[in-house]
Protein backbone atom coordinates (compact mmCIF):
# COMPACT_ATOMS: atom_id res chain seq x y z
CA MET A 1 -52.29 24.62 -4.47
CA ALA A 2 -48.91 26.07 -3.58
CA PRO A 3 -48.11 29.89 -4.56
CA LYS A 4 -46.35 30.04 -7.58
CA ARG A 5 -42.69 30.88 -7.22
CA ARG A 6 -41.65 34.55 -8.09
CA LYS A 7 -39.95 34.84 -11.67
CA SER A 8 -36.19 35.58 -11.44
CA ASN A 9 -34.72 37.87 -14.05
CA ASP A 10 -31.24 35.86 -13.78
CA ALA A 11 -30.23 33.50 -16.30
CA THR A 12 -30.87 29.78 -15.03
CA THR A 13 -31.19 26.62 -16.80
CA SER A 14 -34.76 25.41 -17.73
CA ASN A 15 -34.15 22.15 -15.90
CA SER A 16 -33.13 23.98 -12.57
CA ARG A 17 -36.22 26.37 -12.80
CA THR A 18 -38.68 23.11 -13.21
CA ALA A 19 -36.76 21.30 -10.31
CA LEU A 20 -36.99 24.36 -8.01
CA GLN A 21 -40.92 24.78 -8.96
CA HIS A 22 -41.40 21.14 -8.07
CA ARG A 23 -39.56 21.66 -5.08
CA SER A 24 -41.72 24.45 -3.71
CA THR A 25 -44.65 22.45 -4.04
CA ARG A 26 -43.68 19.89 -1.27
CA GLY A 27 -43.79 20.15 2.29
CA ASN A 28 -45.92 19.10 5.49
CA PRO A 29 -49.17 21.27 5.57
CA SER A 30 -49.28 20.55 9.43
CA PRO A 31 -46.34 22.37 10.89
CA PRO A 32 -45.22 21.64 14.27
CA SER A 33 -45.51 23.27 17.35
CA ASN A 34 -42.45 24.98 17.24
CA ASN A 35 -43.38 26.70 13.86
CA PRO A 36 -46.45 28.91 14.78
CA ASP A 37 -45.96 30.80 11.67
CA GLY A 38 -47.06 27.74 9.41
CA ILE A 39 -43.49 27.37 7.49
CA ILE A 40 -43.75 24.68 4.87
CA PHE A 41 -40.52 22.90 4.80
CA ASP A 42 -38.54 21.97 1.66
CA PRO A 43 -37.25 18.40 2.14
CA ASP A 44 -34.76 18.84 -0.63
CA LEU A 45 -33.21 21.42 1.29
CA ASN A 46 -33.17 19.52 4.63
CA GLN A 47 -34.96 22.56 5.70
CA GLU A 48 -36.97 21.20 8.79
CA VAL A 49 -33.70 19.71 10.20
CA ARG A 50 -32.01 23.02 9.94
CA PHE A 51 -34.96 24.93 11.32
CA ASN A 52 -35.22 22.68 14.38
CA ASN A 53 -31.53 23.48 15.24
CA LEU A 54 -32.08 27.20 14.46
CA VAL A 55 -35.41 27.70 16.50
CA SER A 56 -33.68 27.02 20.07
CA ARG A 57 -30.93 29.47 19.43
CA ARG A 58 -31.14 33.13 20.90
CA MET A 59 -31.80 35.91 18.36
CA THR A 60 -30.17 39.32 19.05
CA SER A 61 -30.11 42.61 17.24
CA THR A 62 -27.95 43.18 14.29
CA LYS A 63 -25.68 46.03 15.19
CA PHE A 64 -25.12 48.48 12.48
CA ILE A 65 -22.73 51.66 12.05
CA ASP A 66 -23.58 54.56 14.09
CA ASN A 67 -22.93 57.97 12.41
CA ASP A 68 -23.52 59.98 15.55
CA ALA A 69 -20.79 58.07 17.41
CA LEU A 70 -18.42 58.40 14.55
CA LEU A 71 -18.95 62.18 14.20
CA GLN A 72 -18.42 62.59 17.86
CA LEU A 73 -15.33 60.49 17.78
CA GLY A 74 -13.96 62.29 14.65
CA LEU A 75 -14.04 59.05 12.69
CA LYS A 76 -16.98 59.40 10.31
CA GLU A 77 -15.18 61.21 7.18
CA ASN A 78 -12.33 58.78 7.18
CA ILE A 79 -14.43 55.68 7.39
CA TYR A 80 -16.98 56.67 4.52
CA ASN A 81 -13.88 57.62 2.52
CA LEU A 82 -12.78 54.00 2.76
CA PHE A 83 -16.25 52.82 2.20
CA ASN A 84 -16.86 54.90 -0.89
CA GLY A 85 -13.66 53.90 -2.35
CA ILE A 86 -14.89 50.42 -2.92
CA GLY A 87 -18.69 50.93 -3.25
CA TRP A 88 -19.77 50.03 0.06
CA GLY A 89 -21.38 53.65 0.78
CA GLU A 90 -24.85 52.98 0.34
CA PHE A 91 -24.75 49.37 1.91
CA VAL A 92 -23.63 50.35 5.31
CA THR A 93 -26.36 52.88 5.80
CA LEU A 94 -28.97 50.07 5.36
CA HIS A 95 -30.30 49.41 9.05
CA ARG A 96 -33.20 47.33 9.55
CA PRO A 97 -34.87 45.34 12.65
CA THR A 98 -34.79 41.54 13.00
CA TYR A 99 -37.96 39.47 12.18
CA ARG A 100 -38.11 35.92 13.58
CA ARG A 101 -40.11 34.57 10.54
CA LEU A 102 -37.97 35.89 8.03
CA THR A 103 -34.73 35.01 9.56
CA LEU A 104 -35.61 31.47 10.54
CA GLU A 105 -37.14 30.65 7.09
CA PHE A 106 -34.38 32.12 5.22
CA LEU A 107 -31.35 30.73 7.21
CA SER A 108 -33.09 27.14 7.19
CA SER A 109 -33.28 27.08 3.37
CA LEU A 110 -30.20 28.98 2.08
CA VAL A 111 -28.19 27.29 -0.25
CA VAL A 112 -25.17 28.88 -2.00
CA ASP A 113 -23.87 27.42 -5.08
CA ALA A 114 -20.73 29.70 -5.62
CA ASN A 115 -19.36 27.46 -8.38
CA ASP A 116 -22.32 27.75 -10.78
CA SER A 117 -21.17 29.76 -14.01
CA VAL A 118 -24.25 31.85 -14.27
CA ALA A 119 -23.16 35.38 -12.92
CA GLY A 120 -20.80 34.17 -10.49
CA GLY A 121 -22.97 31.75 -8.72
CA ARG A 122 -26.48 31.54 -7.35
CA LEU A 123 -28.51 31.44 -4.06
CA ILE A 124 -31.58 29.31 -3.31
CA PHE A 125 -33.46 30.17 -0.38
CA ARG A 126 -37.26 30.45 0.70
CA PHE A 127 -39.40 33.35 1.82
CA PHE A 128 -43.23 32.75 2.89
CA ASN A 129 -42.98 29.23 1.72
CA LYS A 130 -41.71 30.09 -1.84
CA CYS A 131 -38.55 29.36 -3.36
CA TYR A 132 -36.28 32.02 -4.90
CA VAL A 133 -33.13 31.41 -7.02
CA ILE A 134 -31.24 34.60 -7.44
CA SER A 135 -27.53 35.18 -9.02
CA MET A 136 -24.75 36.19 -6.81
CA ALA A 137 -24.69 39.49 -8.92
CA LYS A 138 -28.17 40.02 -8.35
CA PHE A 139 -27.80 39.49 -4.55
CA ASN A 140 -24.92 42.24 -4.72
CA ARG A 141 -27.56 44.70 -6.71
CA LEU A 142 -30.10 44.02 -4.08
CA LEU A 143 -27.82 45.12 -1.28
CA SER A 144 -26.30 48.20 -3.15
CA LEU A 145 -22.97 46.27 -3.60
CA PRO A 146 -20.61 46.06 -6.42
CA GLU A 147 -21.80 43.06 -8.49
CA GLN A 148 -18.14 41.65 -8.93
CA GLY A 149 -14.96 41.64 -7.15
CA LEU A 150 -12.26 39.58 -5.30
CA ARG A 151 -13.50 36.45 -3.45
CA LYS A 152 -9.87 35.43 -2.32
CA PRO A 153 -6.50 37.21 -1.58
CA PRO A 154 -3.98 37.73 -4.50
CA ARG A 155 -1.23 35.07 -4.21
CA GLU A 156 1.21 37.60 -3.24
CA TRP A 157 -0.82 38.85 -0.37
CA ASP A 158 0.77 37.93 3.18
CA PRO A 159 -2.03 38.52 6.05
CA ALA A 160 0.85 38.39 8.66
CA THR A 161 2.32 41.50 7.16
CA PHE A 162 -0.62 43.53 7.03
CA TRP A 163 -1.64 42.33 10.53
CA ARG A 164 1.84 43.55 11.98
CA ALA A 165 1.52 47.03 10.05
CA ILE A 166 -1.89 47.73 11.94
CA THR A 167 -0.98 46.28 15.28
CA CYS A 168 1.40 46.50 18.15
CA GLU A 169 3.28 43.51 16.53
CA ARG A 170 5.66 45.53 14.35
CA GLU A 171 8.58 44.39 12.75
CA GLY A 172 11.71 44.46 15.12
CA ARG A 173 9.77 44.74 18.36
CA ALA A 174 11.02 42.35 21.08
CA ASN A 175 8.93 39.16 21.63
CA VAL A 176 6.65 39.66 18.34
CA ARG A 177 4.33 36.73 18.37
CA PRO A 178 3.49 34.93 15.27
CA TYR A 179 0.45 35.34 13.16
CA GLU A 180 -2.43 32.88 14.34
CA PRO A 181 -5.87 33.59 13.02
CA SER A 182 -7.55 31.74 15.81
CA LYS A 183 -5.89 33.88 18.60
CA ASN A 184 -5.47 37.46 16.95
CA LYS A 185 -7.25 40.01 19.06
CA ALA A 186 -8.95 42.83 17.45
CA SER A 187 -7.72 44.77 20.52
CA GLN A 188 -4.23 44.69 19.17
CA ILE A 189 -5.48 47.04 16.61
CA TYR A 190 -4.17 50.49 17.37
CA ASN A 191 -5.96 52.86 15.01
CA PRO A 192 -9.59 53.38 16.08
CA VAL A 193 -10.80 53.45 12.50
CA PHE A 194 -9.62 50.14 11.89
CA ARG A 195 -10.75 48.57 15.21
CA TYR A 196 -14.20 50.05 14.67
CA LEU A 197 -14.36 48.41 11.02
CA GLN A 198 -13.42 45.10 12.48
CA ARG A 199 -16.21 45.20 14.93
CA LEU A 200 -18.72 46.37 12.40
CA MET A 201 -17.77 43.48 10.10
CA ALA A 202 -18.03 40.96 12.95
CA ASN A 203 -21.47 41.98 13.44
CA THR A 204 -22.97 42.53 9.75
CA ILE A 205 -20.86 40.81 6.86
CA PHE A 206 -19.24 38.01 9.20
CA GLY A 207 -22.17 38.50 11.81
CA ARG A 208 -21.72 35.71 14.68
CA GLY A 209 -22.84 35.63 18.02
CA GLU A 210 -19.30 34.90 19.73
CA SER A 211 -15.76 35.59 19.11
CA VAL A 212 -16.43 39.02 17.73
CA SER A 213 -13.13 40.01 19.33
CA VAL A 214 -11.14 37.66 17.25
CA PHE A 215 -9.68 39.36 14.11
CA ARG A 216 -10.27 36.49 11.50
CA ASP A 217 -8.57 36.16 8.14
CA THR A 218 -11.28 37.20 6.09
CA GLU A 219 -11.76 40.47 8.25
CA VAL A 220 -8.04 41.07 7.78
CA PHE A 221 -8.46 40.63 3.95
CA LEU A 222 -11.50 42.84 3.71
CA LEU A 223 -9.79 45.52 5.65
CA TYR A 224 -6.68 45.31 3.62
CA CYS A 225 -8.94 45.77 0.44
CA LEU A 226 -10.72 48.83 1.96
CA VAL A 227 -7.25 50.50 2.68
CA ASN A 228 -6.04 49.62 -0.77
CA ARG A 229 -9.31 50.49 -2.64
CA MET A 230 -9.57 46.95 -3.92
CA VAL A 231 -13.10 46.19 -4.83
CA VAL A 232 -14.64 42.97 -3.15
CA ASP A 233 -17.28 40.59 -3.86
CA VAL A 234 -19.14 41.42 -0.47
CA GLY A 235 -22.20 39.53 -1.45
CA TYR A 236 -20.16 36.33 -1.74
CA PHE A 237 -18.71 36.79 1.92
CA LEU A 238 -21.90 37.49 3.41
CA ALA A 239 -23.84 34.61 1.62
CA LYS A 240 -21.37 32.17 2.82
CA GLN A 241 -21.50 33.28 6.29
CA LEU A 242 -25.26 33.38 6.25
CA GLU A 243 -25.04 29.72 4.85
CA LYS A 244 -22.89 28.67 7.54
CA ILE A 245 -25.10 30.12 10.43
CA GLY A 246 -28.11 28.51 8.93
CA LYS A 247 -26.22 25.06 9.06
CA SER A 248 -24.82 25.43 12.48
CA SER A 249 -26.65 24.32 15.73
CA VAL A 250 -24.86 26.61 18.26
CA GLY A 251 -24.37 30.41 19.00
CA ASP A 252 -26.63 33.57 19.05
CA ILE A 253 -28.21 34.66 15.68
CA VAL A 254 -27.10 38.07 15.00
CA VAL A 255 -27.75 38.67 11.27
CA GLY A 256 -31.55 38.93 11.30
CA GLY A 257 -31.43 42.61 10.11
CA MET A 258 -29.15 41.74 7.06
CA ILE A 259 -31.87 39.19 6.13
CA THR A 260 -34.60 42.02 6.62
CA ILE A 261 -32.59 44.30 4.24
CA LEU A 262 -32.96 41.43 1.52
CA ALA A 263 -36.35 40.71 1.86
CA GLU A 264 -37.40 44.35 1.72
CA ARG A 265 -35.27 44.97 -1.54
CA MET A 266 -37.08 41.92 -2.96
CA ASN A 267 -40.25 44.06 -2.49
CA LEU A 268 -41.80 41.26 -0.17
CA SER A 269 -44.59 42.55 2.18
CA PHE A 270 -43.87 41.73 5.66
CA THR A 271 -45.60 44.64 7.75
CA HIS A 272 -47.89 42.34 9.32
CA LEU A 273 -45.09 40.30 11.43
CA PRO A 274 -44.01 41.49 14.61
CA ILE A 275 -40.44 42.75 15.25
CA GLU A 276 -38.40 40.20 17.03
CA LYS A 277 -35.40 42.63 17.94
CA PRO A 278 -35.19 46.41 16.93
CA ILE A 279 -32.35 48.02 15.20
CA SER A 280 -29.04 48.35 17.23
CA ARG A 281 -25.90 50.32 16.66
CA LEU A 282 -22.18 50.48 17.46
CA ASP A 283 -22.76 53.62 19.71
CA LEU A 284 -20.73 55.24 22.22
CA PRO A 285 -21.83 52.83 25.16
CA TYR A 286 -20.96 49.81 22.88
CA CYS A 287 -17.71 51.35 22.06
CA THR A 288 -16.89 52.15 25.60
CA THR A 289 -17.81 48.47 26.54
CA PHE A 290 -15.59 46.74 23.95
CA GLY A 291 -12.60 48.94 25.01
CA LEU A 292 -12.16 51.36 22.20
CA ILE A 293 -12.72 54.52 23.95
CA THR A 294 -12.91 55.53 27.64
CA LYS A 295 -14.76 58.55 29.06
CA VAL A 296 -12.62 60.91 30.98
CA GLU A 297 -14.82 63.82 32.36
CA ASP A 298 -16.46 65.13 29.30
CA GLU A 299 -14.26 63.86 26.73
CA TYR A 300 -13.83 60.34 25.10
CA TRP A 301 -10.17 58.95 24.89
CA LEU A 302 -8.85 56.39 22.55
CA THR A 303 -8.08 53.05 24.74
CA PHE A 304 -5.34 50.90 24.09
CA PHE A 305 -4.99 47.90 26.28
CA GLN A 306 -6.86 49.50 29.22
CA GLY A 307 -4.85 52.68 28.86
CA PRO A 308 -6.32 56.08 27.58
CA ILE A 309 -3.95 57.18 24.91
CA PHE A 310 -5.25 60.45 23.61
CA PRO A 311 -8.71 62.38 23.62
CA LEU A 312 -11.03 62.09 20.39
CA PRO A 313 -11.58 63.67 17.86
CA ASN A 314 -7.95 63.92 16.77
CA HIS A 315 -7.79 63.60 12.87
CA ASP A 316 -3.96 64.30 12.94
CA LEU A 317 -3.42 61.01 15.11
CA THR A 318 -6.37 58.69 13.71
CA ASN A 319 -6.38 59.55 9.96
CA THR A 320 -5.54 56.19 8.18
CA GLU A 321 -4.23 57.87 4.98
CA SER A 322 -1.03 58.39 7.14
CA GLN A 323 0.67 54.92 7.87
CA GLU A 324 2.10 56.58 10.81
CA ASN A 325 -1.10 56.29 12.62
CA TRP A 326 -1.56 52.59 11.94
CA GLN A 327 0.65 51.66 15.01
CA PRO A 328 1.38 53.25 18.29
CA PRO A 329 4.24 55.22 18.94
CA GLU A 330 7.54 53.13 19.86
CA GLY A 331 8.09 52.98 23.51
CA ASP A 332 4.98 55.21 24.38
CA LEU A 333 2.26 52.67 25.59
CA PRO A 334 1.23 53.01 29.23
CA TYR A 335 0.39 49.27 29.28
CA GLU A 336 2.11 46.11 27.74
CA PRO A 337 -0.02 44.11 25.26
CA PRO A 338 -1.22 40.87 26.93
CA PRO A 339 0.10 37.57 25.61
CA GLN A 340 -2.28 35.84 23.14
CA VAL A 341 -4.41 33.15 24.41
CA PRO A 342 -6.69 30.62 22.73
CA LEU A 343 -10.26 31.18 22.42
CA HIS A 344 -12.59 31.01 25.29
CA GLN A 345 -9.72 31.25 27.61
CA PRO A 346 -9.68 34.42 29.61
CA ALA A 347 -6.60 36.53 29.14
CA PRO A 348 -4.32 37.06 32.52
CA TYR A 349 -4.29 40.50 34.30
CA ILE A 350 -1.31 42.47 33.03
CA SER A 351 0.17 45.26 35.31
CA PRO A 352 1.64 48.46 34.13
CA HIS A 353 5.23 48.67 33.30
CA ASP A 354 7.78 48.85 36.05
CA ALA A 355 10.51 51.33 36.36
CA SER A 356 12.79 49.61 33.96
CA THR A 357 10.21 49.93 30.97
CA SER A 358 9.30 52.96 28.76
CA SER A 359 6.62 53.90 31.23
CA ALA A 360 9.55 54.87 33.69
CA SER A 361 9.32 58.66 32.03
CA LEU A 362 5.84 58.80 33.22
CA ASN A 363 5.60 60.68 36.69
CA TRP A 364 3.30 59.43 39.38
CA THR A 365 0.63 62.13 38.63
CA ASN A 366 0.33 60.60 35.10
CA ARG A 367 0.06 57.31 36.45
CA PHE A 368 -2.47 58.13 39.10
CA ASN A 369 -4.54 59.79 36.29
CA MET A 370 -4.39 56.60 34.08
CA LEU A 371 -5.76 54.78 37.04
CA GLU A 372 -8.55 56.95 37.57
CA ARG A 373 -9.53 56.84 33.72
CA GLY A 374 -9.16 53.07 34.08
CA GLN A 375 -11.49 53.28 36.93
CA GLN A 376 -14.07 55.39 34.85
CA HIS A 377 -13.89 53.10 31.98
CA LEU A 378 -14.69 50.21 34.51
CA LYS A 379 -17.76 52.19 35.68
CA ASP A 380 -18.76 52.61 32.37
CA SER A 381 -18.70 49.22 31.45
CA ILE A 382 -20.52 48.03 34.54
CA HIS A 383 -23.30 50.80 33.86
CA SER A 384 -23.63 49.34 30.26
CA LEU A 385 -23.80 46.05 31.57
CA GLN A 386 -26.46 46.90 34.17
CA GLN A 387 -28.50 48.61 30.97
CA ASP A 388 -28.24 45.38 28.97
CA MET A 389 -29.37 43.36 32.18
CA GLY A 390 -32.28 45.68 32.90
CA THR A 391 -33.45 45.43 29.45
CA GLU A 392 -33.46 41.55 29.51
CA PHE A 393 -35.13 41.50 32.97
CA HIS A 394 -37.88 43.70 31.89
CA ALA A 395 -38.31 41.24 28.76
CA ILE A 396 -38.41 38.38 31.09
CA ASN A 397 -40.90 39.89 33.53
CA ALA A 398 -43.14 40.82 30.74
CA ARG A 399 -43.07 37.25 29.36
CA LEU A 400 -44.03 36.02 32.93
CA ASP A 401 -46.78 38.46 33.00
CA GLY A 402 -48.15 36.67 29.79
CA PHE A 403 -47.83 33.21 31.31
CA GLY A 404 -49.65 34.47 34.63
CA THR A 405 -52.50 35.67 32.36
CA THR A 406 -52.62 32.49 30.44
CA LEU A 407 -52.42 30.30 33.45
CA GLY A 408 -55.41 32.33 34.82
CA THR A 409 -57.49 31.89 31.84
CA MET A 410 -56.67 28.15 31.95
CA ASN A 411 -57.65 27.97 35.58
CA GLN A 412 -60.93 29.73 34.90
CA LEU A 413 -61.66 27.26 31.81
CA ILE A 414 -61.08 24.14 34.27
CA GLN A 415 -63.38 25.62 36.82
CA ASP A 416 -65.90 26.20 34.29
CA LEU A 417 -65.68 22.59 32.65
CA HIS A 418 -65.74 21.38 36.33
CA HIS A 419 -69.19 23.20 36.89
CA PHE A 420 -70.80 21.97 33.65
CA SER A 421 -69.70 18.41 33.62
CA LEU A 422 -70.86 17.42 37.11
CA PRO A 423 -74.44 17.57 38.75
CA HIS A 424 -75.11 20.44 41.19
CA ASP A 425 -75.95 18.02 43.70
CA TYR A 426 -72.59 15.91 43.33
CA ALA A 427 -70.50 15.44 46.54
CA PRO A 428 -67.15 13.83 46.31
CA PRO A 429 -66.86 10.67 47.91
CA PRO A 430 -65.66 10.42 51.52
CA PRO A 431 -61.82 9.85 52.14
CA PRO A 432 -61.01 6.12 52.79
CA GLN A 433 -61.01 5.01 56.49
């Protein structure tokens, strides 16, 4: 007999409850070999097909906010003022590791019915072979988020206007490029607060395993809401992103930590499960790798298009309450922003300004110092890459050691079987003449 479905405090129709209870009793009692946890698949959710697409994808740690890094860069107070202004203050402090069983079962079963009239929609998903139905409002409550809020921009909102307000694509600048969501790079964002927030959203609410450097429409909108203290239905955006990941067959899975938070807030017991990926954060090495900062001697400098701008912390130049800090000073960039390129196409190398540009005012000593800082940034990036490769190398070695032990055991078993299955005086036949 299948376990009973956990009762929900949300208002749902009796018909939907009956259907879901009936659905939770179905499934294959003999799970396939790629399902060692014995997940019972729900055919009405197309769960087995989705699971098979998910199980072969690489799972990586969810990267959460790093308070130590923000404190050292002088950005913490500013960022948390924005979070607290629209009710995200507690949500961003929830950091959890990734569990493979929880992640695969949830993503393979999640269905988001955003049009349901009950509490702004509902989510259907499974944990430990039980089917759960919760309202969107409760989903937000479980994650310590506002229960209601905007799900789409107001009619008068123009993403291109806000985009140009926070990037080097300012009005009146020569060669201003059109707003194209598929090509807009987060590296064009000048203020380090905004750039850090974009990367945080790309790893959590809009967690994806690729194209994290692309500043998408939804991220532009949420950043706009943060700046203007407009409450957003974050649970809706997160749920839709999780559903999209669960129905896809490509890309790394980076949202496991978010799913762990939900399971924990639902008071589910999963301490018996092994941790698949530990907690990870957007720390100083990561900020260096994605080009937010450059380490110059004992200081971290804000980096903009590979050029160090000024040392951090510097509240007067990074405080987002002043719109003067949203864009770089006119004519004061050491490097020209590279041209936009489509996704998965490398950006061409861009050399420094020649003497006819605004950098002509920089003397040769300053240019040499910039080259040194760029070299240090490259060294830091290589070092971070070496660390990541070393971690993967040790993990591969550990798996190979396990395979070696298993093969040794199998070899011994074969020898034992051979010994017991043949007479002691048995001799193999002579080779053919």
